[in-house]
Protein backbone atom coordinates (compact mmCIF):
# COMPACT_ATOMS: atom_id res chain seq x y z
CA MET A 1 30.26 -28.39 -30.02
CA LYS A 2 29.12 -26.56 -33.15
CA ARG A 3 30.01 -29.63 -35.23
CA LEU A 4 27.89 -31.87 -33.02
CA THR A 5 24.95 -29.49 -33.28
CA LEU A 6 25.22 -29.46 -37.08
CA ILE A 7 25.36 -33.26 -37.31
CA PHE A 8 22.28 -33.84 -35.17
CA ALA A 9 20.39 -31.06 -36.96
CA CYS A 10 21.08 -32.79 -40.30
CA LEU A 11 19.87 -36.13 -38.91
CA PHE A 12 16.57 -34.84 -37.59
CA CYS A 13 15.52 -31.87 -39.71
CA PHE A 14 14.15 -34.20 -42.41
CA LEU A 15 11.95 -36.31 -40.13
CA PRO A 16 8.71 -34.31 -40.48
CA ASP A 17 8.91 -34.51 -44.30
CA LEU A 18 9.61 -38.25 -44.19
CA GLU A 19 6.41 -38.92 -42.28
CA ALA A 20 4.43 -37.37 -45.13
CA GLN A 21 5.63 -40.06 -47.56
CA THR A 22 4.82 -43.74 -47.19
CA TYR A 23 7.20 -46.60 -47.83
CA GLN A 24 5.42 -49.29 -49.89
CA GLY A 25 7.92 -52.15 -49.95
CA LEU A 26 10.48 -51.21 -52.61
CA ALA A 27 13.59 -53.44 -52.28
CA GLY A 28 12.41 -54.88 -48.97
CA GLU A 29 14.74 -57.85 -49.47
CA MET A 30 17.76 -55.54 -49.28
CA PHE A 31 16.63 -53.50 -46.28
CA LEU A 32 14.07 -55.32 -44.13
CA PHE A 33 14.49 -59.07 -44.50
CA SER A 34 17.50 -61.24 -43.61
CA GLN A 35 20.79 -59.45 -44.26
CA PRO A 36 24.04 -60.79 -45.78
CA ASN A 37 26.21 -60.36 -42.71
CA ALA A 38 26.38 -63.55 -40.67
CA ARG A 39 27.64 -61.81 -37.53
CA ALA A 40 25.00 -59.08 -37.37
CA GLU A 41 22.22 -61.49 -38.36
CA ALA A 42 23.16 -63.90 -35.55
CA LEU A 43 23.15 -60.99 -33.07
CA GLY A 44 19.43 -60.37 -33.48
CA ARG A 45 20.03 -58.37 -36.67
CA GLY A 46 21.74 -55.66 -34.65
CA ASN A 47 24.32 -53.72 -36.66
CA ALA A 48 24.44 -49.92 -36.05
CA ALA A 49 26.93 -50.11 -33.13
CA LEU A 50 29.22 -52.79 -34.64
CA THR A 51 32.52 -52.12 -36.44
CA GLY A 52 35.12 -53.98 -38.47
CA SER A 53 33.13 -54.74 -41.62
CA PRO A 54 32.65 -52.57 -44.76
CA PHE A 55 29.08 -53.85 -45.01
CA LEU A 56 28.27 -52.51 -41.53
CA ASP A 57 28.91 -49.00 -42.88
CA PHE A 58 25.66 -49.55 -44.80
CA TYR A 59 23.82 -49.25 -41.45
CA ASN A 60 25.99 -46.67 -39.70
CA PRO A 61 28.29 -44.65 -41.98
CA ALA A 62 30.40 -43.62 -38.96
CA ALA A 63 31.55 -47.21 -38.28
CA SER A 64 34.40 -47.14 -40.82
CA SER A 65 36.43 -44.82 -38.55
CA PHE A 66 36.82 -47.68 -36.05
CA SER A 67 37.94 -50.31 -38.58
CA ALA A 68 41.39 -51.68 -39.40
CA PRO A 69 43.67 -49.80 -41.86
CA VAL A 70 42.68 -52.20 -44.66
CA THR A 71 39.62 -54.48 -44.79
CA LEU A 72 38.26 -56.76 -47.51
CA GLU A 73 34.98 -58.65 -47.28
CA PHE A 74 32.66 -60.92 -49.22
CA THR A 75 29.28 -62.10 -47.95
CA ARG A 76 26.50 -64.25 -49.39
CA LEU A 77 22.93 -64.94 -48.32
CA ASP A 78 20.94 -67.72 -49.99
CA PHE A 79 17.25 -67.01 -49.53
CA PHE A 80 14.96 -70.01 -49.63
CA PRO A 81 11.30 -69.51 -50.54
CA ALA A 82 9.11 -68.05 -47.83
CA VAL A 83 6.25 -70.42 -48.66
CA LYS A 84 6.03 -73.97 -50.00
CA TRP A 85 4.20 -73.26 -53.25
CA ILE A 86 6.87 -70.92 -54.64
CA ASP A 87 9.58 -73.03 -56.32
CA ARG A 88 12.54 -70.66 -56.54
CA THR A 89 15.59 -69.40 -54.67
CA GLU A 90 17.01 -65.91 -54.26
CA ASP A 91 20.44 -64.65 -53.27
CA TYR A 92 21.99 -61.46 -51.92
CA ASP A 93 25.75 -60.91 -52.32
CA THR A 94 28.02 -58.09 -51.16
CA TYR A 95 31.61 -57.15 -51.92
CA GLY A 96 33.33 -54.55 -49.75
CA ILE A 97 36.68 -52.83 -49.24
CA GLY A 98 37.64 -50.35 -46.54
CA ALA A 99 40.66 -48.14 -45.78
CA ASN A 100 41.22 -46.22 -42.55
CA PHE A 101 43.70 -43.31 -42.83
CA GLY A 102 43.44 -42.21 -39.21
CA MET A 103 43.43 -38.41 -38.93
CA PHE A 104 42.50 -38.12 -42.63
CA GLY A 105 39.34 -40.17 -42.22
CA ALA A 106 38.17 -43.56 -43.44
CA PHE A 107 36.67 -44.75 -46.71
CA SER A 108 34.80 -47.84 -47.78
CA MET A 109 33.05 -49.06 -50.92
CA ASN A 110 30.40 -51.74 -51.21
CA TYR A 111 28.67 -53.41 -54.11
CA MET A 112 25.43 -55.14 -53.11
CA HIS A 113 23.38 -57.33 -55.44
CA PHE A 114 20.07 -59.09 -54.88
CA SER A 115 18.58 -61.38 -57.52
CA GLY A 116 15.27 -63.21 -57.35
CA GLY A 117 11.74 -63.05 -58.64
CA GLU A 118 8.35 -61.54 -57.87
CA GLU A 119 5.09 -63.41 -58.40
CA PHE A 120 2.45 -62.19 -60.86
CA PHE A 121 -0.78 -63.66 -62.23
CA ASN A 122 -1.37 -63.79 -65.98
CA THR A 123 -3.45 -66.69 -67.29
CA ASP A 124 -2.81 -67.51 -70.94
CA ALA A 125 -2.04 -70.54 -73.13
CA ALA A 126 1.61 -70.55 -72.09
CA ASN A 127 0.78 -70.17 -68.43
CA PRO A 128 -2.53 -71.99 -67.74
CA GLU A 129 -2.14 -71.94 -63.96
CA GLY A 130 -1.84 -68.16 -63.98
CA LEU A 131 1.32 -67.96 -61.85
CA GLY A 132 4.53 -66.52 -63.20
CA VAL A 133 7.67 -64.82 -61.94
CA TRP A 134 9.28 -61.55 -62.91
CA PRO A 135 13.06 -61.84 -62.46
CA ILE A 136 14.35 -58.98 -60.32
CA SER A 137 17.89 -57.65 -60.12
CA THR A 138 18.60 -55.03 -57.44
CA GLU A 139 21.98 -53.32 -57.06
CA ILE A 140 23.42 -50.75 -54.67
CA TYR A 141 26.79 -49.07 -55.17
CA MET A 142 27.87 -47.43 -51.90
CA ILE A 143 30.70 -44.96 -51.24
CA ASN A 144 31.39 -44.17 -47.57
CA TYR A 145 33.46 -41.53 -45.81
CA SER A 146 33.78 -40.97 -42.06
CA PHE A 147 35.93 -38.78 -39.87
CA GLN A 148 36.66 -38.63 -36.14
CA ILE A 149 35.63 -35.07 -35.30
CA LEU A 150 36.57 -35.66 -31.66
CA LYS A 151 38.59 -38.42 -30.00
CA ASP A 152 36.64 -41.69 -30.36
CA PHE A 153 33.66 -39.80 -31.82
CA SER A 154 32.99 -40.26 -35.53
CA ALA A 155 30.53 -38.92 -38.09
CA GLY A 156 30.01 -40.44 -41.52
CA VAL A 157 28.04 -40.24 -44.75
CA ASN A 158 27.13 -42.73 -47.49
CA ALA A 159 26.36 -41.88 -51.10
CA ASN A 160 24.40 -44.76 -52.63
CA TYR A 161 23.37 -45.41 -56.22
CA PHE A 162 20.29 -47.67 -56.30
CA LYS A 163 19.06 -49.62 -59.32
CA GLU A 164 16.28 -52.20 -59.49
CA THR A 165 15.30 -53.90 -62.76
CA TYR A 166 12.20 -56.00 -63.44
CA LYS A 167 12.97 -58.17 -66.45
CA THR A 168 9.55 -58.47 -68.04
CA SER A 169 8.87 -58.41 -71.77
CA LYS A 170 9.89 -54.76 -71.46
CA SER A 171 12.35 -54.05 -68.66
CA LEU A 172 11.21 -51.64 -65.97
CA GLU A 173 13.66 -49.83 -63.70
CA HIS A 174 13.88 -47.84 -60.49
CA LYS A 175 17.18 -45.98 -60.26
CA GLY A 176 18.74 -42.98 -58.57
CA TRP A 177 20.76 -41.74 -55.60
CA TYR A 178 20.06 -41.74 -51.88
CA PHE A 179 22.17 -40.76 -48.85
CA ASP A 180 22.77 -41.88 -45.25
CA LEU A 181 24.18 -40.14 -42.17
CA GLY A 182 25.50 -41.59 -38.90
CA VAL A 183 27.47 -40.92 -35.73
CA LEU A 184 29.30 -43.36 -33.43
CA LYS A 185 30.90 -42.72 -30.04
CA LYS A 186 33.27 -45.07 -28.17
CA TYR A 187 33.99 -44.94 -24.44
CA LYS A 188 36.94 -46.85 -22.96
CA ILE A 189 37.02 -48.13 -19.38
CA GLU A 190 40.37 -49.64 -18.45
CA SER A 191 41.44 -51.26 -15.20
CA SER A 192 44.08 -53.68 -13.96
CA SER A 193 41.61 -56.57 -14.26
CA SER A 194 39.71 -55.85 -17.49
CA ASN A 195 39.23 -53.69 -20.58
CA GLN A 196 35.73 -52.42 -21.29
CA GLU A 197 34.32 -50.47 -24.22
CA VAL A 198 30.92 -48.92 -24.83
CA TYR A 199 29.69 -47.91 -28.30
CA LEU A 200 26.71 -45.61 -28.87
CA GLY A 201 25.45 -45.26 -32.44
CA LEU A 202 22.81 -43.23 -34.25
CA SER A 203 22.11 -43.31 -37.99
CA LEU A 204 19.48 -42.38 -40.55
CA THR A 205 19.28 -44.34 -43.80
CA ASN A 206 17.92 -42.49 -46.85
CA PHE A 207 17.53 -39.31 -44.80
CA ALA A 208 16.22 -37.23 -47.75
CA ASN A 209 13.58 -39.85 -48.70
CA SER A 210 14.70 -39.93 -52.35
CA LYS A 211 12.12 -40.58 -55.08
CA PHE A 212 12.45 -43.47 -57.53
CA PRO A 213 10.00 -43.17 -60.45
CA ILE A 214 9.13 -46.06 -62.75
CA THR A 215 7.12 -45.78 -65.98
CA VAL A 216 4.59 -48.60 -66.50
CA SER A 217 3.43 -48.57 -70.12
CA SER A 218 0.37 -50.74 -69.45
CA PHE A 219 -0.88 -48.11 -66.98
CA GLY A 220 0.23 -45.24 -69.18
CA ARG A 221 1.69 -43.34 -66.25
CA THR A 222 4.73 -43.00 -64.01
CA LEU A 223 4.66 -44.39 -60.48
CA THR A 224 6.87 -43.01 -57.71
CA HIS A 225 8.23 -45.19 -54.92
CA TYR A 226 10.42 -44.53 -51.89
CA LEU A 227 13.05 -46.61 -50.16
CA PRO A 228 12.69 -47.11 -46.39
CA SER A 229 14.05 -44.26 -44.26
CA ALA A 230 15.34 -46.00 -41.14
CA LEU A 231 16.32 -44.29 -37.89
CA ARG A 232 18.58 -46.50 -35.73
CA LEU A 233 19.63 -46.05 -32.11
CA ALA A 234 22.14 -48.65 -30.90
CA ALA A 235 24.42 -49.47 -27.98
CA ALA A 236 27.09 -52.15 -27.54
CA TYR A 237 29.13 -53.13 -24.49
CA GLU A 238 32.35 -55.17 -24.72
CA PHE A 239 34.08 -56.76 -21.73
CA GLN A 240 37.49 -58.48 -21.81
CA PRO A 241 39.30 -59.69 -18.65
CA GLN A 242 43.08 -59.37 -18.60
CA ASN A 243 43.46 -63.16 -18.13
CA LYS A 244 45.48 -64.81 -20.91
CA MET A 245 46.49 -68.24 -22.12
CA GLY A 246 49.87 -67.65 -23.72
CA ASN A 247 49.48 -64.71 -26.12
CA PHE A 248 45.73 -65.11 -26.42
CA GLY A 249 43.05 -63.38 -24.42
CA LEU A 250 41.06 -65.98 -22.53
CA PHE A 251 37.58 -64.55 -22.99
CA LYS A 252 35.64 -61.58 -24.39
CA GLY A 253 31.94 -60.79 -24.17
CA LEU A 254 29.83 -58.45 -26.33
CA PHE A 255 26.26 -57.37 -25.61
CA LEU A 256 24.20 -55.09 -27.83
CA ALA A 257 20.76 -53.54 -28.13
CA GLU A 258 19.23 -51.63 -31.03
CA TYR A 259 16.01 -49.83 -31.87
CA ARG A 260 14.98 -49.22 -35.48
CA ASP A 261 12.08 -47.10 -36.67
CA LEU A 262 10.98 -46.71 -40.30
CA VAL A 263 10.30 -43.01 -40.29
CA ASN A 264 8.25 -43.11 -43.51
CA SER A 265 6.08 -46.06 -42.46
CA LYS A 266 3.75 -47.02 -39.61
CA TYR A 267 5.17 -50.55 -39.65
CA ASN A 268 8.44 -52.49 -39.24
CA THR A 269 9.51 -50.85 -36.00
CA LYS A 270 12.02 -53.26 -34.50
CA PHE A 271 13.88 -53.90 -31.23
CA GLN A 272 16.96 -56.16 -31.24
CA LEU A 273 19.19 -57.82 -28.63
CA GLY A 274 22.35 -59.87 -29.16
CA THR A 275 25.38 -61.35 -27.43
CA GLU A 276 28.73 -62.69 -28.64
CA LEU A 277 31.20 -64.77 -26.61
CA THR A 278 34.78 -65.08 -27.89
CA PHE A 279 37.18 -67.73 -26.60
CA LEU A 280 40.97 -67.48 -27.07
CA GLU A 281 40.38 -64.78 -29.72
CA ILE A 282 39.41 -67.54 -32.18
CA ILE A 283 36.03 -69.16 -31.46
CA LYS A 284 32.95 -66.90 -31.47
CA LEU A 285 29.49 -68.04 -30.40
CA ARG A 286 26.49 -65.77 -30.97
CA ALA A 287 22.81 -65.56 -30.12
CA GLY A 288 20.11 -62.92 -30.37
CA TRP A 289 16.45 -62.04 -30.52
CA PHE A 290 14.33 -59.42 -32.25
CA THR A 291 10.72 -58.32 -32.30
CA GLU A 292 9.24 -56.41 -35.24
CA GLY A 293 5.79 -54.96 -35.95
CA LEU A 294 4.27 -55.91 -39.32
CA ASN A 295 1.46 -54.79 -41.58
CA ASP A 296 -1.06 -57.65 -41.59
CA TYR A 297 -3.11 -55.91 -44.31
CA GLY A 298 -6.25 -56.49 -42.23
CA HIS A 299 -6.18 -60.27 -42.75
CA HIS A 300 -5.94 -62.85 -39.95
CA PHE A 301 -3.77 -65.03 -42.22
CA ASN A 302 -0.87 -62.58 -41.82
CA LYS A 303 1.03 -61.93 -38.62
CA SER A 304 1.10 -58.45 -37.08
CA ARG A 305 4.35 -59.10 -35.16
CA LEU A 306 7.50 -61.18 -35.53
CA ASN A 307 9.36 -62.64 -32.55
CA GLU A 308 12.45 -64.51 -33.72
CA LEU A 309 15.54 -66.08 -32.13
CA THR A 310 18.87 -65.91 -33.98
CA TYR A 311 22.19 -67.72 -33.59
CA GLY A 312 25.48 -68.39 -35.34
CA PHE A 313 29.23 -68.73 -34.94
CA GLY A 314 32.52 -67.35 -36.21
CA ILE A 315 36.16 -68.40 -36.46
CA GLU A 316 38.90 -65.79 -36.42
CA ALA A 317 42.56 -66.45 -37.25
CA PRO A 318 44.93 -63.79 -35.87
CA VAL A 319 47.81 -64.65 -38.22
CA LYS A 320 50.54 -62.85 -36.28
CA LYS A 321 49.77 -64.63 -33.01
CA LEU A 322 49.20 -68.01 -34.60
CA THR A 323 52.35 -68.07 -36.74
CA GLY A 324 54.77 -65.74 -34.97
CA LEU A 325 55.32 -63.91 -38.26
CA ASN A 326 55.32 -60.13 -38.34
CA LEU A 327 52.08 -60.12 -40.32
CA PRO A 328 49.31 -58.10 -38.59
CA MET A 329 46.48 -59.80 -40.46
CA ASN A 330 43.21 -61.26 -39.20
CA ILE A 331 41.09 -63.66 -41.24
CA GLN A 332 37.51 -64.24 -40.11
CA PHE A 333 34.75 -66.57 -41.27
CA ASP A 334 31.22 -66.11 -39.94
CA TYR A 335 28.25 -68.38 -40.54
CA THR A 336 24.62 -68.69 -39.62
CA SER A 337 21.70 -70.66 -41.04
CA LEU A 338 18.27 -69.48 -39.94
CA PRO A 339 14.73 -70.31 -41.05
CA PHE A 340 12.96 -67.63 -43.05
CA PRO A 341 10.93 -65.63 -40.47
CA GLU A 342 7.33 -66.80 -40.19
CA TYR A 343 5.19 -63.98 -41.58
CA TYR A 344 2.01 -66.09 -41.65
CA ASN A 345 -0.14 -67.61 -38.90
CA ASP A 346 -0.20 -70.95 -40.75
CA ASP A 347 3.15 -72.70 -41.26
CA LEU A 348 3.89 -72.38 -44.99
CA ARG A 349 7.67 -72.48 -44.73
CA HIS A 350 10.03 -75.00 -46.23
CA ASN A 351 12.20 -76.89 -43.78
CA ASP A 352 15.23 -75.37 -45.50
CA ASN A 353 17.12 -72.60 -43.74
CA SER A 354 18.73 -69.59 -45.39
CA PRO A 355 22.52 -69.86 -44.91
CA ILE A 356 24.74 -66.77 -44.68
CA TYR A 357 28.51 -66.85 -45.23
CA SER A 358 30.84 -63.92 -44.47
CA PHE A 359 34.59 -63.78 -45.20
CA ASN A 360 36.57 -60.85 -43.80
CA ILE A 361 40.29 -60.09 -44.06
CA SER A 362 41.71 -57.13 -42.12
CA TYR A 363 45.28 -55.86 -42.12
CA GLY A 364 46.83 -53.50 -39.57
CA ILE A 365 49.69 -51.46 -41.01
């Protein structure tokens, strides 16, 4: 009980200080916009009560304790421009590896990279229209550790090194460390007719509200920015009847709900819902919805709230069951392609969607 008290005290003792600092949009593409995990994105962007992916440890550090002994993952998100008059594309890639050592805890490492550009106005002979782009490269190196302090109850921490570079005539950089905490509890309900599981998750991203200074020579001073500090409360319910077709389970259903609050901002509070239906342990169909409050900056042109539907699918190959070989490996491919959320009251979007591809290989020793 003392361990539980310490964990929750660490999660919440920083909240009053966070409210005193305001998040102003630093690396919003990596934290607030579409995310490079096709499964979570299709489930209404819900992620803090999901397991099985090294990238999901980014949202709840305790999730790695419920993963397979070995997991490898690659994901890619191709952003298309939010509005028609910006002729560029952006991408967000992640590479992850996880290892679960049971009673000794679980580890994962992720490398996340976003590349794109930010508009600026600078009318001169080389740029008569006044519109230019600063190339941006944003990287996060994440090390995760989690441990089951009680049966089916895990606590975890992430140590993240953040670096964002603006490649102007003189490169400008934000860089430094930030940390995340999370807990995840699983309840099992077994009967002769079905297996049921309930997951309850709580996490706090960037709980110390780390500072990231950047020196701008044209201003002659150093500016300080903060990453978003996100509090997440999540629940997931999984239902699987005992009915089988050969060695394969006939059906499995997953339902989840999540609430996210940016503790150091008045905006971007979000509520998410999602469902996943799995047939014969191979075909996965997903759908979701989320609503999110926005800063409209006092202009009717901008929306003050997003309401978006999400969807996608996955294909999982349980190698041992499919081949009969003694190879406890699962290979999973997840995909979704969604339009960039409409942040404006007038339709300025391209018709192009932003596709997300996720490849995951897990091995049970």
